[in-house]
Protein backbone atom coordinates (compact mmCIF):
# COMPACT_ATOMS: atom_id res chain seq x y z
CA MET A 1 12.03 -61.59 -54.44
CA LEU A 2 14.60 -63.77 -53.39
CA ASN A 3 15.85 -63.56 -49.50
CA ARG A 4 19.39 -63.99 -49.16
CA SER A 5 21.53 -63.90 -46.32
CA PHE A 6 24.97 -64.72 -44.51
CA HIS A 7 26.60 -65.59 -42.23
CA LEU A 8 26.95 -62.92 -38.32
CA GLU A 9 29.12 -62.79 -36.13
CA ILE A 10 29.24 -60.13 -32.94
CA ARG A 11 31.80 -60.52 -30.92
CA THR A 12 33.12 -58.53 -27.40
CA PRO A 13 36.13 -59.64 -25.48
CA GLU A 14 33.97 -61.25 -23.35
CA GLN A 15 31.70 -62.87 -25.50
CA LEU A 16 29.63 -64.41 -28.10
CA ILE A 17 26.51 -61.59 -28.46
CA TYR A 18 25.38 -63.09 -31.78
CA GLU A 19 25.69 -65.80 -34.60
CA GLY A 20 23.59 -66.39 -36.71
CA ASP A 21 21.86 -65.76 -40.46
CA VAL A 22 20.92 -62.12 -41.28
CA THR A 23 18.94 -60.44 -44.58
CA SER A 24 21.10 -57.01 -42.85
CA VAL A 25 23.07 -55.17 -40.59
CA TYR A 26 23.33 -51.59 -40.32
CA ALA A 27 26.07 -50.58 -38.97
CA PRO A 28 27.53 -46.68 -37.30
CA GLY A 29 31.01 -46.62 -38.94
CA VAL A 30 33.30 -43.76 -38.22
CA GLU A 31 32.58 -41.94 -41.29
CA GLY A 32 29.13 -42.64 -41.64
CA ASN A 33 26.34 -45.15 -40.92
CA PHE A 34 26.53 -47.73 -43.48
CA GLN A 35 23.56 -51.22 -44.72
CA ILE A 36 25.75 -55.04 -45.45
CA LEU A 37 23.18 -57.18 -47.68
CA ALA A 38 24.31 -60.74 -48.63
CA GLY A 39 27.39 -60.17 -52.01
CA HIS A 40 28.71 -56.76 -50.24
CA ILE A 41 32.88 -57.13 -51.40
CA PRO A 42 34.73 -57.92 -48.81
CA PHE A 43 35.86 -54.24 -46.43
CA LEU A 44 37.11 -53.28 -42.82
CA THR A 45 35.68 -50.39 -40.98
CA ALA A 46 36.20 -48.75 -37.67
CA LEU A 47 32.91 -48.36 -35.97
CA ASP A 48 32.11 -45.47 -33.65
CA VAL A 49 29.16 -45.89 -31.13
CA GLY A 50 26.20 -46.29 -32.56
CA GLU A 51 22.93 -48.36 -32.85
CA ILE A 52 23.51 -51.69 -34.60
CA ARG A 53 20.37 -53.32 -36.18
CA VAL A 54 20.75 -56.95 -36.87
CA ARG A 55 17.91 -57.86 -39.69
CA GLU A 56 17.40 -62.04 -39.39
CA SER A 57 13.01 -61.47 -40.49
CA GLU A 58 11.23 -58.09 -40.61
CA THR A 59 11.91 -56.49 -37.42
CA PRO A 60 15.55 -56.36 -36.36
CA GLN A 61 16.81 -56.43 -33.76
CA LEU A 62 19.04 -53.10 -31.76
CA MET A 63 21.75 -53.22 -30.71
CA ALA A 64 24.54 -50.57 -28.78
CA THR A 65 28.00 -50.58 -29.68
CA SER A 66 31.03 -48.56 -28.31
CA GLY A 67 32.90 -48.72 -31.16
CA GLY A 68 35.07 -51.64 -33.10
CA VAL A 69 35.89 -53.28 -36.06
CA PHE A 70 33.88 -54.43 -39.40
CA GLU A 71 34.57 -56.57 -41.33
CA VAL A 72 33.65 -58.45 -44.58
CA LEU A 73 34.24 -61.53 -45.51
CA ARG A 74 32.92 -63.80 -48.40
CA THR A 75 32.09 -66.43 -45.70
CA GLY A 76 30.63 -64.16 -43.65
CA VAL A 77 30.18 -60.27 -41.88
CA THR A 78 32.25 -60.91 -38.03
CA VAL A 79 31.90 -57.51 -35.97
CA LEU A 80 34.46 -57.28 -32.82
CA VAL A 81 32.60 -54.37 -30.50
CA GLU A 82 34.82 -53.03 -27.40
CA THR A 83 30.52 -53.57 -25.69
CA ALA A 84 27.34 -54.29 -26.89
CA GLU A 85 23.99 -54.91 -25.16
CA TRP A 86 20.71 -55.31 -26.98
CA ALA A 87 18.78 -53.39 -26.32
CA SER A 88 15.86 -55.25 -24.73
CA GLU A 89 18.18 -55.35 -21.77
CA ILE A 90 19.49 -51.76 -21.23
CA ASP A 91 18.86 -50.48 -17.54
CA ILE A 92 17.24 -47.09 -18.99
CA GLU A 93 17.44 -45.61 -14.78
CA ARG A 94 21.42 -47.00 -15.37
CA ALA A 95 22.14 -45.18 -18.75
CA GLU A 96 20.63 -41.82 -17.19
CA SER A 97 22.56 -41.77 -14.56
CA ALA A 98 25.85 -42.61 -16.41
CA ARG A 99 24.69 -39.41 -18.42
CA ASP A 100 24.01 -37.36 -16.33
CA ARG A 101 27.52 -38.19 -14.25
CA ALA A 102 29.31 -37.09 -17.22
CA GLN A 103 27.01 -33.88 -17.73
CA ALA A 104 28.35 -32.88 -14.39
CA GLN A 105 31.90 -33.92 -14.69
CA LEU A 106 32.01 -31.54 -18.11
CA ALA A 107 30.42 -29.21 -16.36
CA ALA A 108 32.56 -28.64 -13.58
CA ASN A 109 35.40 -28.47 -15.52
CA ALA A 110 38.06 -29.16 -12.82
CA PRO A 111 41.43 -28.99 -13.52
CA ASP A 112 42.32 -32.54 -13.58
CA LEU A 113 39.25 -33.42 -16.11
CA ASN A 114 40.33 -35.83 -17.93
CA ARG A 115 37.59 -34.60 -21.54
CA PRO A 116 38.51 -37.12 -23.81
CA ARG A 117 37.15 -39.80 -21.50
CA ALA A 118 34.41 -38.57 -19.78
CA GLU A 119 32.85 -36.37 -23.45
CA ALA A 120 33.04 -41.05 -24.20
CA ALA A 121 31.03 -42.00 -21.57
CA LEU A 122 29.06 -39.35 -22.15
CA ALA A 123 28.29 -40.57 -25.68
CA ARG A 124 28.07 -44.35 -24.58
CA ALA A 125 25.09 -43.31 -22.35
CA GLN A 126 23.35 -41.07 -24.61
CA ASN A 127 23.62 -43.83 -27.00
CA ARG A 128 22.05 -46.42 -24.39
CA ILE A 129 18.96 -44.18 -23.51
CA LYS A 130 18.25 -43.60 -27.21
CA VAL A 131 17.95 -47.66 -28.41
CA ALA A 132 16.80 -48.64 -25.54
CA SER A 133 13.92 -46.24 -25.82
CA ASN A 134 14.15 -47.34 -29.83
CA LEU A 135 12.16 -50.40 -28.61
């Protein structure tokens, strides 16, 4: 079987997280998860909180992300995300603490609670825990 690859860049506003040639990338689209292989038609989509899987060889590298934009061009794929963290770099205790804080805020339901912000924080923390646990 021919092992075709394509160029992938993953960037946050602060830094280049990944750049290299890959055989596939799996991402959390706002309308569902999807996978890109070499030769895919160009398209642009928004990303949701979730897991990005980058495959250079047999074993994929996992990354937690909190949403962004995914663009496929004939020259390669560019992923612009708000945050990105490799599974191996996630501090699970910190993520669990963030999850617990968000759950406590939502349970307290204070009148000044910014519910969408607390729900987003909870989703990010749960995602980081899930991605780190998939190692």
